[in-house]
């Protein structure tokens, strides 16, 4: 194994997933790659971003290109923070926009990852129906092994 792709969201539990992914990469003597997927701005209300990204406030959808650039910059900032916390300057960072499961699979293919590390949230009820189950979708469509970390 040469590359470990760690898919992260910017919830409080990202530390656990990042640390476990980093430990796996070190144990395998593989390169670490970090991925953060930000929402598709055309499919999501701008109001939804304010709780995920503290520096972005509600904006007019007419300036979607500027918002996309801001979201990409925030994703890169988040991943660079994780990279610094892990003290792994050689870690690659990737950002993507849109459907999370699809973006994880596409990034894994394009960066030639050998394994995908991700968390599995224990959502229930309406939250699971509305948000879907990213881990389930990645598992269903991946040709790579997954290292899934339960997160509560």
N, C-alpha and C. Protein backbone atom coordinates (compact mmCIF):
# COMPACT_ATOMS: atom_id res chain seq x y z
N UNK A 1 0.84 -1.18 0.00
CA UNK A 1 0.00 0.00 0.00
C UNK A 1 0.89 1.24 0.00
N UNK A 2 0.55 2.14 -0.93
CA UNK A 2 1.37 3.32 -1.09
C UNK A 2 0.69 4.62 -0.67
N UNK A 3 -0.68 4.62 -0.69
CA UNK A 3 -1.38 5.86 -0.36
C UNK A 3 -2.66 5.57 0.41
N UNK A 4 -2.84 6.32 1.50
CA UNK A 4 -4.02 6.23 2.34
C UNK A 4 -4.79 7.53 2.20
N UNK A 5 -6.03 7.44 1.72
CA UNK A 5 -6.89 8.61 1.58
C UNK A 5 -7.81 8.69 2.79
N UNK A 6 -7.75 9.81 3.51
CA UNK A 6 -8.58 10.02 4.68
C UNK A 6 -9.61 11.09 4.35
N UNK A 7 -10.87 10.69 4.33
CA UNK A 7 -11.97 11.61 4.04
C UNK A 7 -12.45 12.22 5.35
N UNK A 8 -12.43 13.54 5.41
CA UNK A 8 -12.77 14.25 6.65
C UNK A 8 -13.89 15.24 6.43
N UNK A 9 -14.73 15.37 7.45
CA UNK A 9 -15.65 16.50 7.49
C UNK A 9 -15.16 17.40 8.62
N UNK A 10 -15.68 18.58 8.73
CA UNK A 10 -15.16 19.51 9.74
C UNK A 10 -16.03 19.56 10.99
N UNK A 11 -16.55 18.41 11.36
CA UNK A 11 -17.23 18.31 12.65
C UNK A 11 -16.18 18.06 13.72
N UNK A 12 -16.59 18.14 14.98
CA UNK A 12 -15.64 18.01 16.09
C UNK A 12 -14.89 16.68 16.10
N UNK A 13 -15.45 15.64 15.52
CA UNK A 13 -14.83 14.33 15.60
C UNK A 13 -13.77 14.08 14.53
N UNK A 14 -13.44 15.07 13.74
CA UNK A 14 -12.45 14.86 12.68
C UNK A 14 -11.10 14.43 13.24
N UNK A 15 -10.79 14.84 14.48
CA UNK A 15 -9.50 14.51 15.09
C UNK A 15 -9.28 13.00 15.13
N UNK A 16 -10.30 12.28 15.56
CA UNK A 16 -10.20 10.82 15.69
C UNK A 16 -9.94 10.18 14.33
N UNK A 17 -10.69 10.57 13.32
CA UNK A 17 -10.55 9.98 11.99
C UNK A 17 -9.18 10.32 11.41
N UNK A 18 -8.77 11.57 11.53
CA UNK A 18 -7.47 11.99 11.01
C UNK A 18 -6.33 11.24 11.70
N UNK A 19 -6.43 11.14 13.01
CA UNK A 19 -5.36 10.46 13.77
C UNK A 19 -5.27 8.99 13.39
N UNK A 20 -6.41 8.31 13.32
CA UNK A 20 -6.40 6.88 12.97
C UNK A 20 -5.90 6.67 11.54
N UNK A 21 -6.31 7.53 10.63
CA UNK A 21 -5.83 7.43 9.26
C UNK A 21 -4.34 7.66 9.16
N UNK A 22 -3.86 8.62 9.93
CA UNK A 22 -2.42 8.92 9.95
C UNK A 22 -1.64 7.75 10.54
N UNK A 23 -2.16 7.16 11.61
CA UNK A 23 -1.51 5.98 12.21
C UNK A 23 -1.44 4.83 11.21
N UNK A 24 -2.52 4.62 10.47
CA UNK A 24 -2.54 3.56 9.48
C UNK A 24 -1.50 3.84 8.39
N UNK A 25 -1.45 5.06 7.90
CA UNK A 25 -0.47 5.41 6.86
C UNK A 25 0.96 5.18 7.36
N UNK A 26 1.24 5.59 8.58
CA UNK A 26 2.58 5.39 9.15
C UNK A 26 2.89 3.90 9.27
N UNK A 27 1.93 3.12 9.75
CA UNK A 27 2.15 1.68 9.91
C UNK A 27 2.41 0.99 8.57
N UNK A 28 1.76 1.48 7.53
CA UNK A 28 1.92 0.90 6.19
C UNK A 28 3.07 1.54 5.41
N UNK A 29 3.69 2.58 6.02
CA UNK A 29 4.73 3.36 5.34
C UNK A 29 4.20 3.91 4.02
N UNK A 30 2.99 4.41 4.10
CA UNK A 30 2.30 4.95 2.93
C UNK A 30 2.16 6.46 3.06
N UNK A 31 1.92 7.10 1.95
CA UNK A 31 1.69 8.53 1.94
C UNK A 31 0.26 8.81 2.40
N UNK A 32 0.10 9.87 3.16
CA UNK A 32 -1.20 10.30 3.64
C UNK A 32 -1.79 11.32 2.69
N UNK A 33 -3.07 11.14 2.36
CA UNK A 33 -3.81 12.11 1.55
C UNK A 33 -5.08 12.47 2.32
N UNK A 34 -5.34 13.75 2.46
CA UNK A 34 -6.51 14.23 3.20
C UNK A 34 -7.51 14.84 2.23
N UNK A 35 -8.79 14.53 2.43
CA UNK A 35 -9.84 15.03 1.55
C UNK A 35 -10.96 15.66 2.37
N UNK A 36 -11.42 16.82 1.90
CA UNK A 36 -12.62 17.44 2.45
C UNK A 36 -13.52 17.80 1.28
N UNK A 37 -14.78 17.39 1.38
CA UNK A 37 -15.77 17.68 0.35
C UNK A 37 -16.70 18.76 0.87
N UNK A 38 -16.81 19.84 0.11
CA UNK A 38 -17.73 20.90 0.51
C UNK A 38 -19.00 20.81 -0.33
N UNK A 39 -20.09 21.35 0.19
CA UNK A 39 -21.39 21.21 -0.48
C UNK A 39 -21.44 21.87 -1.85
N UNK A 40 -22.24 21.29 -2.71
CA UNK A 40 -22.52 21.88 -4.02
C UNK A 40 -23.37 23.12 -3.77
N UNK A 41 -22.84 24.29 -4.13
CA UNK A 41 -23.53 25.53 -3.79
C UNK A 41 -24.86 25.69 -4.52
N UNK A 42 -25.02 25.05 -5.65
CA UNK A 42 -26.28 25.18 -6.37
C UNK A 42 -27.37 24.30 -5.77
N UNK A 43 -26.97 23.28 -5.04
CA UNK A 43 -27.95 22.35 -4.47
C UNK A 43 -28.23 22.63 -3.00
N UNK A 44 -27.52 23.58 -2.42
CA UNK A 44 -27.64 23.85 -1.00
C UNK A 44 -27.91 25.33 -0.76
N UNK A 45 -28.74 25.63 0.21
CA UNK A 45 -28.99 27.01 0.59
C UNK A 45 -27.73 27.62 1.20
N UNK A 46 -27.36 28.82 0.84
CA UNK A 46 -26.20 29.47 1.44
C UNK A 46 -26.30 29.55 2.96
N UNK A 47 -27.52 29.61 3.50
CA UNK A 47 -27.68 29.68 4.95
C UNK A 47 -27.10 28.45 5.64
N UNK A 48 -27.07 27.32 4.94
CA UNK A 48 -26.56 26.08 5.53
C UNK A 48 -25.07 26.16 5.82
N UNK A 49 -24.35 27.03 5.12
CA UNK A 49 -22.90 27.09 5.29
C UNK A 49 -22.47 27.77 6.57
N UNK A 50 -23.28 28.66 7.09
CA UNK A 50 -22.85 29.46 8.23
C UNK A 50 -22.54 28.62 9.47
N UNK A 51 -23.20 27.48 9.65
CA UNK A 51 -22.91 26.64 10.81
C UNK A 51 -21.66 25.78 10.60
N UNK A 52 -21.29 25.53 9.35
CA UNK A 52 -20.12 24.71 9.07
C UNK A 52 -18.83 25.51 8.95
N UNK A 53 -18.96 26.75 8.44
CA UNK A 53 -17.80 27.58 8.20
C UNK A 53 -18.01 28.93 8.87
N UNK A 54 -17.28 29.15 9.92
CA UNK A 54 -17.52 30.33 10.75
C UNK A 54 -17.25 31.65 10.03
N UNK A 55 -16.42 31.65 9.01
CA UNK A 55 -16.08 32.91 8.35
C UNK A 55 -17.00 33.23 7.18
N UNK A 56 -17.96 32.38 6.92
CA UNK A 56 -18.88 32.62 5.80
C UNK A 56 -20.26 32.93 6.35
N UNK A 57 -20.81 34.04 5.92
CA UNK A 57 -22.16 34.41 6.35
C UNK A 57 -23.12 34.19 5.20
N UNK A 58 -24.39 34.43 5.45
CA UNK A 58 -25.40 34.30 4.42
C UNK A 58 -25.09 35.24 3.26
N UNK A 59 -25.17 34.71 2.05
CA UNK A 59 -24.85 35.51 0.86
C UNK A 59 -25.94 35.33 -0.19
N UNK A 60 -25.89 36.16 -1.19
CA UNK A 60 -26.81 36.08 -2.31
C UNK A 60 -26.31 35.01 -3.28
N UNK A 61 -27.20 34.13 -3.72
CA UNK A 61 -26.81 33.03 -4.60
C UNK A 61 -26.25 33.53 -5.93
N UNK A 62 -26.52 34.79 -6.29
CA UNK A 62 -26.00 35.35 -7.55
C UNK A 62 -24.48 35.43 -7.57
N UNK A 63 -23.86 35.37 -6.42
CA UNK A 63 -22.40 35.41 -6.39
C UNK A 63 -21.85 34.03 -6.05
N UNK A 64 -22.41 33.02 -6.71
CA UNK A 64 -22.04 31.64 -6.40
C UNK A 64 -20.57 31.33 -6.67
N UNK A 65 -19.97 31.96 -7.65
CA UNK A 65 -18.55 31.71 -7.92
C UNK A 65 -17.69 32.17 -6.75
N UNK A 66 -18.04 33.31 -6.19
CA UNK A 66 -17.28 33.80 -5.04
C UNK A 66 -17.47 32.87 -3.85
N UNK A 67 -18.69 32.41 -3.65
CA UNK A 67 -18.96 31.47 -2.57
C UNK A 67 -18.19 30.17 -2.77
N UNK A 68 -18.17 29.67 -3.98
CA UNK A 68 -17.42 28.44 -4.28
C UNK A 68 -15.94 28.62 -3.93
N UNK A 69 -15.38 29.76 -4.32
CA UNK A 69 -13.99 30.05 -4.00
C UNK A 69 -13.76 30.12 -2.49
N UNK A 70 -14.71 30.73 -1.77
CA UNK A 70 -14.61 30.82 -0.31
C UNK A 70 -14.67 29.43 0.32
N UNK A 71 -15.58 28.60 -0.16
CA UNK A 71 -15.71 27.25 0.39
C UNK A 71 -14.46 26.42 0.12
N UNK A 72 -13.92 26.55 -1.07
CA UNK A 72 -12.69 25.83 -1.40
C UNK A 72 -11.54 26.31 -0.50
N UNK A 73 -11.45 27.61 -0.31
CA UNK A 73 -10.41 28.17 0.56
C UNK A 73 -10.58 27.69 2.00
N UNK A 74 -11.83 27.66 2.48
CA UNK A 74 -12.09 27.17 3.84
C UNK A 74 -11.73 25.69 3.96
N UNK A 75 -12.03 24.91 2.93
CA UNK A 75 -11.68 23.48 2.93
C UNK A 75 -10.17 23.30 2.99
N UNK A 76 -9.46 24.08 2.18
CA UNK A 76 -8.00 24.00 2.18
C UNK A 76 -7.42 24.42 3.54
N UNK A 77 -8.00 25.47 4.10
CA UNK A 77 -7.57 25.95 5.43
C UNK A 77 -7.77 24.85 6.48
N UNK A 78 -8.94 24.22 6.43
CA UNK A 78 -9.25 23.13 7.36
C UNK A 78 -8.24 21.99 7.19
N UNK A 79 -7.98 21.57 5.96
CA UNK A 79 -7.06 20.45 5.73
C UNK A 79 -5.63 20.80 6.10
N UNK A 80 -5.22 22.03 5.86
CA UNK A 80 -3.88 22.45 6.28
C UNK A 80 -3.75 22.46 7.80
N UNK A 81 -4.84 22.81 8.49
CA UNK A 81 -4.86 22.76 9.95
C UNK A 81 -4.69 21.31 10.42
N UNK A 82 -5.40 20.39 9.80
CA UNK A 82 -5.29 18.96 10.15
C UNK A 82 -3.87 18.47 9.88
N UNK A 83 -3.35 18.82 8.73
CA UNK A 83 -1.98 18.44 8.35
C UNK A 83 -0.98 18.92 9.39
N UNK A 84 -1.15 20.15 9.85
CA UNK A 84 -0.28 20.71 10.88
C UNK A 84 -0.44 19.98 12.21
N UNK A 85 -1.70 19.69 12.58
CA UNK A 85 -1.95 18.96 13.83
C UNK A 85 -1.31 17.57 13.81
N UNK A 86 -1.30 16.94 12.64
CA UNK A 86 -0.71 15.61 12.51
C UNK A 86 0.81 15.66 12.37
N UNK A 87 1.33 16.86 12.16
CA UNK A 87 2.76 17.08 11.95
C UNK A 87 3.28 16.22 10.79
N UNK A 88 2.53 16.26 9.69
CA UNK A 88 2.90 15.50 8.50
C UNK A 88 2.88 16.45 7.30
N UNK A 89 4.00 17.12 7.08
CA UNK A 89 4.08 18.11 6.01
C UNK A 89 4.02 17.49 4.62
N UNK A 90 4.26 16.18 4.51
CA UNK A 90 4.22 15.53 3.20
C UNK A 90 2.81 15.08 2.81
N UNK A 91 1.87 15.23 3.72
CA UNK A 91 0.50 14.83 3.41
C UNK A 91 -0.05 15.68 2.28
N UNK A 92 -0.73 15.03 1.36
CA UNK A 92 -1.37 15.75 0.26
C UNK A 92 -2.75 16.19 0.73
N UNK A 93 -3.23 17.28 0.17
CA UNK A 93 -4.60 17.69 0.48
C UNK A 93 -5.41 17.80 -0.82
N UNK A 94 -6.67 17.39 -0.71
CA UNK A 94 -7.59 17.44 -1.84
C UNK A 94 -8.91 18.00 -1.35
N UNK A 95 -9.51 18.84 -2.18
CA UNK A 95 -10.85 19.33 -1.90
C UNK A 95 -11.73 18.96 -3.08
N UNK A 96 -13.00 18.81 -2.81
CA UNK A 96 -13.96 18.51 -3.87
C UNK A 96 -15.29 19.13 -3.49
N UNK A 97 -16.12 19.33 -4.50
CA UNK A 97 -17.44 19.92 -4.29
C UNK A 97 -18.51 18.94 -4.73
N UNK A 98 -19.59 18.87 -3.96
CA UNK A 98 -20.74 18.09 -4.41
C UNK A 98 -21.07 16.91 -3.54
N UNK A 99 -21.59 15.88 -4.19
CA UNK A 99 -21.99 14.66 -3.49
C UNK A 99 -20.76 14.04 -2.83
N UNK A 100 -20.84 13.83 -1.52
CA UNK A 100 -19.68 13.40 -0.76
C UNK A 100 -19.19 12.03 -1.18
N UNK A 101 -20.07 11.05 -1.27
CA UNK A 101 -19.67 9.68 -1.63
C UNK A 101 -19.00 9.66 -3.00
N UNK A 102 -19.61 10.33 -3.96
CA UNK A 102 -19.05 10.37 -5.32
C UNK A 102 -17.68 11.03 -5.31
N UNK A 103 -17.56 12.14 -4.59
CA UNK A 103 -16.29 12.87 -4.52
C UNK A 103 -15.20 12.02 -3.87
N UNK A 104 -15.54 11.28 -2.84
CA UNK A 104 -14.55 10.40 -2.19
C UNK A 104 -14.06 9.36 -3.18
N UNK A 105 -14.97 8.71 -3.87
CA UNK A 105 -14.59 7.67 -4.83
C UNK A 105 -13.78 8.23 -5.99
N UNK A 106 -14.19 9.38 -6.51
CA UNK A 106 -13.45 10.00 -7.61
C UNK A 106 -12.06 10.45 -7.19
N UNK A 107 -11.95 11.01 -6.00
CA UNK A 107 -10.64 11.44 -5.50
C UNK A 107 -9.74 10.24 -5.25
N UNK A 108 -10.29 9.18 -4.68
CA UNK A 108 -9.51 7.96 -4.45
C UNK A 108 -8.94 7.43 -5.75
N UNK A 109 -9.75 7.45 -6.81
CA UNK A 109 -9.28 6.98 -8.11
C UNK A 109 -8.22 7.91 -8.69
N UNK A 110 -8.48 9.21 -8.64
CA UNK A 110 -7.55 10.15 -9.27
C UNK A 110 -6.21 10.26 -8.54
N UNK A 111 -6.22 10.09 -7.23
CA UNK A 111 -4.95 10.19 -6.49
C UNK A 111 -4.28 8.83 -6.31
N UNK A 112 -4.91 7.79 -6.86
CA UNK A 112 -4.38 6.43 -6.81
C UNK A 112 -4.24 5.91 -5.38
N UNK A 113 -5.28 6.14 -4.59
CA UNK A 113 -5.29 5.65 -3.20
C UNK A 113 -5.41 4.13 -3.19
N UNK A 114 -4.86 3.53 -2.17
CA UNK A 114 -4.94 2.08 -2.00
C UNK A 114 -5.99 1.68 -0.97
N UNK A 115 -6.36 2.62 -0.10
CA UNK A 115 -7.35 2.38 0.93
C UNK A 115 -8.00 3.71 1.29
N UNK A 116 -9.26 3.66 1.68
CA UNK A 116 -10.00 4.86 2.08
C UNK A 116 -10.31 4.76 3.56
N UNK A 117 -10.00 5.80 4.31
CA UNK A 117 -10.33 5.89 5.73
C UNK A 117 -11.42 6.93 5.88
N UNK A 118 -12.48 6.56 6.59
CA UNK A 118 -13.57 7.51 6.82
C UNK A 118 -14.31 7.15 8.08
N UNK A 119 -15.07 8.11 8.59
CA UNK A 119 -15.89 7.88 9.76
C UNK A 119 -17.28 7.45 9.37
N UNK A 120 -17.94 6.79 10.29
CA UNK A 120 -19.33 6.41 10.09
C UNK A 120 -20.13 7.03 11.23
N UNK A 121 -20.96 8.00 10.89
CA UNK A 121 -21.79 8.67 11.89
C UNK A 121 -22.97 7.78 12.21
N UNK A 122 -23.38 7.79 13.45
CA UNK A 122 -24.53 6.97 13.85
C UNK A 122 -25.78 7.83 13.84
N UNK A 123 -26.20 8.20 12.63
CA UNK A 123 -27.42 9.00 12.50
C UNK A 123 -28.62 8.08 12.52
N UNK A 124 -29.74 8.62 12.97
CA UNK A 124 -30.96 7.83 13.06
C UNK A 124 -32.14 8.65 12.53
N UNK A 125 -33.19 7.93 12.22
CA UNK A 125 -34.46 8.56 11.90
C UNK A 125 -34.41 9.47 10.70
N UNK A 126 -35.06 10.61 10.85
CA UNK A 126 -35.21 11.55 9.74
C UNK A 126 -33.87 12.11 9.29
N UNK A 127 -32.91 12.30 10.22
CA UNK A 127 -31.60 12.81 9.85
C UNK A 127 -30.91 11.86 8.87
N UNK A 128 -31.03 10.55 9.10
CA UNK A 128 -30.42 9.57 8.21
C UNK A 128 -31.11 9.57 6.85
N UNK A 129 -32.43 9.71 6.84
CA UNK A 129 -33.18 9.73 5.58
C UNK A 129 -32.81 10.96 4.77
N UNK A 130 -32.75 12.13 5.42
CA UNK A 130 -32.46 13.37 4.71
C UNK A 130 -31.01 13.48 4.26
N UNK A 131 -30.10 13.06 5.10
CA UNK A 131 -28.69 13.23 4.80
C UNK A 131 -28.10 12.04 4.04
N UNK A 132 -28.76 10.90 4.06
CA UNK A 132 -28.21 9.73 3.40
C UNK A 132 -27.11 9.12 4.24
N UNK A 133 -26.53 8.09 3.74
CA UNK A 133 -25.47 7.41 4.46
C UNK A 133 -24.25 7.33 3.54
N UNK A 134 -23.36 8.28 3.70
CA UNK A 134 -22.18 8.38 2.84
C UNK A 134 -21.35 7.11 2.92
N UNK A 135 -21.09 6.63 4.13
CA UNK A 135 -20.27 5.43 4.29
C UNK A 135 -20.86 4.25 3.54
N UNK A 136 -22.17 4.09 3.64
CA UNK A 136 -22.85 2.99 2.95
C UNK A 136 -22.67 3.11 1.44
N UNK A 137 -22.80 4.33 0.90
CA UNK A 137 -22.65 4.55 -0.53
C UNK A 137 -21.21 4.29 -1.00
N UNK A 138 -20.24 4.73 -0.21
CA UNK A 138 -18.84 4.49 -0.58
C UNK A 138 -18.55 2.99 -0.53
N UNK A 139 -19.01 2.33 0.51
CA UNK A 139 -18.81 0.88 0.64
C UNK A 139 -19.45 0.13 -0.53
N UNK A 140 -20.63 0.55 -0.92
CA UNK A 140 -21.36 -0.11 -2.00
C UNK A 140 -20.64 0.01 -3.34
N UNK A 141 -20.00 1.16 -3.59
CA UNK A 141 -19.43 1.42 -4.91
C UNK A 141 -17.90 1.36 -4.99
N UNK A 142 -17.23 1.19 -3.87
CA UNK A 142 -15.78 1.21 -3.85
C UNK A 142 -15.18 -0.13 -4.29
N UNK A 143 -14.10 -0.02 -5.01
CA UNK A 143 -13.31 -1.21 -5.35
C UNK A 143 -12.08 -1.31 -4.43
N UNK A 144 -11.96 -0.32 -3.57
CA UNK A 144 -10.84 -0.27 -2.64
C UNK A 144 -11.31 -0.73 -1.26
N UNK A 145 -10.38 -1.22 -0.44
CA UNK A 145 -10.76 -1.51 0.94
C UNK A 145 -11.04 -0.22 1.70
N UNK A 146 -11.92 -0.32 2.69
CA UNK A 146 -12.26 0.82 3.54
C UNK A 146 -11.86 0.52 4.97
N UNK A 147 -11.37 1.53 5.65
CA UNK A 147 -11.12 1.48 7.07
C UNK A 147 -12.11 2.45 7.68
N UNK A 148 -13.16 1.91 8.29
CA UNK A 148 -14.27 2.73 8.78
C UNK A 148 -14.16 2.89 10.29
N UNK A 149 -14.20 4.12 10.73
CA UNK A 149 -14.07 4.45 12.16
C UNK A 149 -15.43 4.91 12.67
N UNK A 150 -16.01 4.16 13.62
CA UNK A 150 -17.30 4.60 14.15
C UNK A 150 -17.16 5.88 14.96
N UNK A 151 -18.03 6.83 14.67
CA UNK A 151 -18.01 8.14 15.33
C UNK A 151 -19.38 8.39 15.92
N UNK A 152 -19.44 8.84 17.14
CA UNK A 152 -20.72 9.10 17.78
C UNK A 152 -20.82 10.55 18.16
